[in-house]
Amino acid sequence: MFQPIIFHITTPKIWQQFANENYFEAASLKTEGFIHTSTSAQLEATAQRYYAAENEILILHLDANKMKSKIKFEFANSVNDYFPHIFGVIEKENILQIDLVKNENRKFLWAEKTKFKI
């Protein structure tokens, strides 16, 4: 079940808050104790489910094998699937790539994604 590359979705505005840090963390780390991530198979549905109202999103490609924080797959009853959760911050050194994906009329333009500077 373990995936070497996992993905975290965020917005450019949230990413910018950590511009001068060597790590990134989502608000869920404080509120739920972990950061939500997805496998490649789950990514598009997750984006549509939680970020459909955003004009653009960032997709962080994470090297799960190098993460210092614990990663655990946990079951989400709402979608009947296991999702990878990171129990700590995301070290920027373990971000392999960031894609910017635009959204038009609540539909993400995956084929037109562009690289975003880490």
Protein backbone atom coordinates (compact mmCIF):
# COMPACT_ATOMS: atom_id res chain seq x y z
CA MET A 1 0.00 0.00 0.00
CA PHE A 2 2.89 2.45 0.64
CA GLN A 3 3.45 4.92 -2.20
CA PRO A 4 6.93 6.46 -2.65
CA ILE A 5 5.41 9.68 -4.04
CA ILE A 6 2.41 11.23 -2.31
CA PHE A 7 0.71 14.56 -2.96
CA HIS A 8 -0.48 17.44 -0.84
CA ILE A 9 -2.88 20.06 -2.23
CA THR A 10 -2.71 23.65 -1.05
CA THR A 11 -3.30 27.15 -2.38
CA PRO A 12 -0.69 29.70 -3.46
CA LYS A 13 -1.84 31.98 -0.61
CA ILE A 14 -1.21 29.33 2.05
CA TRP A 15 2.10 28.30 0.44
CA GLN A 16 3.27 31.94 0.54
CA GLN A 17 2.90 32.00 4.34
CA PHE A 18 5.84 29.58 4.51
CA ALA A 19 8.03 31.28 1.88
CA ASN A 20 10.84 31.96 4.36
CA GLU A 21 10.67 28.62 6.15
CA ASN A 22 12.43 25.33 5.40
CA TYR A 23 9.16 23.48 6.02
CA PHE A 24 5.49 23.67 5.15
CA GLU A 25 2.52 22.74 7.29
CA ALA A 26 -1.20 22.69 6.70
CA ALA A 27 -3.67 23.97 9.28
CA SER A 28 -4.87 20.39 9.78
CA LEU A 29 -1.60 19.55 11.56
CA LYS A 30 -2.76 21.68 14.49
CA THR A 31 -6.47 20.89 14.27
CA GLU A 32 -6.34 17.15 13.45
CA GLY A 33 -2.75 16.17 14.27
CA PHE A 34 -1.72 15.36 10.70
CA ILE A 35 -1.45 16.73 7.16
CA HIS A 36 -3.77 15.27 4.54
CA THR A 37 -2.17 13.83 1.41
CA SER A 38 -3.30 11.68 -1.49
CA THR A 39 -1.92 9.01 -3.77
CA SER A 40 -1.78 9.70 -7.51
CA ALA A 41 -5.01 7.72 -7.97
CA GLN A 42 -6.81 9.88 -5.37
CA LEU A 43 -5.45 13.30 -6.36
CA GLU A 44 -8.00 14.57 -8.87
CA ALA A 45 -11.03 13.49 -6.85
CA THR A 46 -9.56 15.05 -3.69
CA ALA A 47 -8.95 18.34 -5.50
CA GLN A 48 -12.49 18.38 -6.84
CA ARG A 49 -14.02 17.44 -3.48
CA TYR A 50 -12.23 20.05 -1.35
CA TYR A 51 -10.85 22.76 -3.67
CA ALA A 52 -13.45 23.19 -6.44
CA ALA A 53 -14.07 26.81 -5.44
CA GLU A 54 -10.38 27.79 -5.72
CA ASN A 55 -9.16 29.52 -8.89
CA GLU A 56 -5.86 27.67 -8.71
CA ILE A 57 -4.18 25.10 -6.51
CA LEU A 58 -0.67 23.84 -5.90
CA ILE A 59 0.16 20.15 -5.99
CA LEU A 60 3.19 19.28 -3.86
CA HIS A 61 4.92 16.07 -4.99
CA LEU A 62 6.45 14.57 -1.84
CA ASP A 63 9.16 11.93 -1.52
CA ALA A 64 7.55 9.78 1.15
CA ASN A 65 10.70 7.67 1.57
CA LYS A 66 12.69 10.68 2.81
CA MET A 67 10.11 12.32 5.04
CA LYS A 68 11.21 12.62 8.65
CA SER A 69 7.64 12.74 9.90
CA LYS A 70 5.66 9.52 10.28
CA ILE A 71 3.31 8.66 7.40
CA LYS A 72 0.36 6.39 8.04
CA PHE A 73 -2.46 5.27 5.74
CA GLU A 74 -5.78 5.77 7.48
CA PHE A 75 -9.28 4.91 6.42
CA ALA A 76 -11.67 7.72 5.43
CA ASN A 77 -15.25 6.54 5.86
CA SER A 78 -16.58 9.41 3.74
CA VAL A 79 -14.97 8.03 0.57
CA ASN A 80 -14.33 4.42 1.62
CA ASP A 81 -10.58 4.58 0.97
CA TYR A 82 -7.22 4.75 2.75
CA PHE A 83 -5.31 8.05 2.56
CA PRO A 84 -1.73 8.84 3.56
CA HIS A 85 -1.47 11.19 6.54
CA ILE A 86 1.74 12.96 7.58
CA PHE A 87 2.15 13.33 11.35
CA GLY A 88 4.45 16.34 11.27
CA VAL A 89 5.65 19.10 8.99
CA ILE A 90 6.63 18.70 5.34
CA GLU A 91 10.33 19.45 4.95
CA LYS A 92 10.82 21.47 1.77
CA GLU A 93 13.88 19.40 0.89
CA ASN A 94 11.50 16.48 0.34
CA ILE A 95 9.28 18.33 -2.12
CA LEU A 96 10.26 16.99 -5.52
CA GLN A 97 8.08 19.29 -7.59
CA ILE A 98 5.17 21.70 -7.31
CA ASP A 99 2.54 22.04 -10.02
CA LEU A 100 0.19 24.97 -10.41
CA VAL A 101 -3.22 23.82 -11.64
CA LYS A 102 -5.79 26.37 -12.75
CA ASN A 103 -9.52 25.98 -12.32
CA GLU A 104 -12.08 27.21 -14.81
CA ASN A 105 -15.77 26.92 -14.00
CA ARG A 106 -15.10 24.46 -11.17
CA LYS A 107 -13.06 22.18 -13.43
CA PHE A 108 -9.32 21.75 -12.95
CA LEU A 109 -7.18 21.96 -16.07
CA TRP A 110 -4.83 19.05 -15.29
CA ALA A 111 -3.43 18.83 -18.81
CA GLU A 112 -2.33 22.48 -18.63
CA LYS A 113 -0.56 22.37 -15.26
CA THR A 114 2.69 24.32 -14.97
CA LYS A 115 5.71 24.01 -12.70
CA PHE A 116 5.72 26.33 -9.68
CA LYS A 117 8.92 27.48 -7.99
CA ILE A 118 9.65 25.72 -4.71
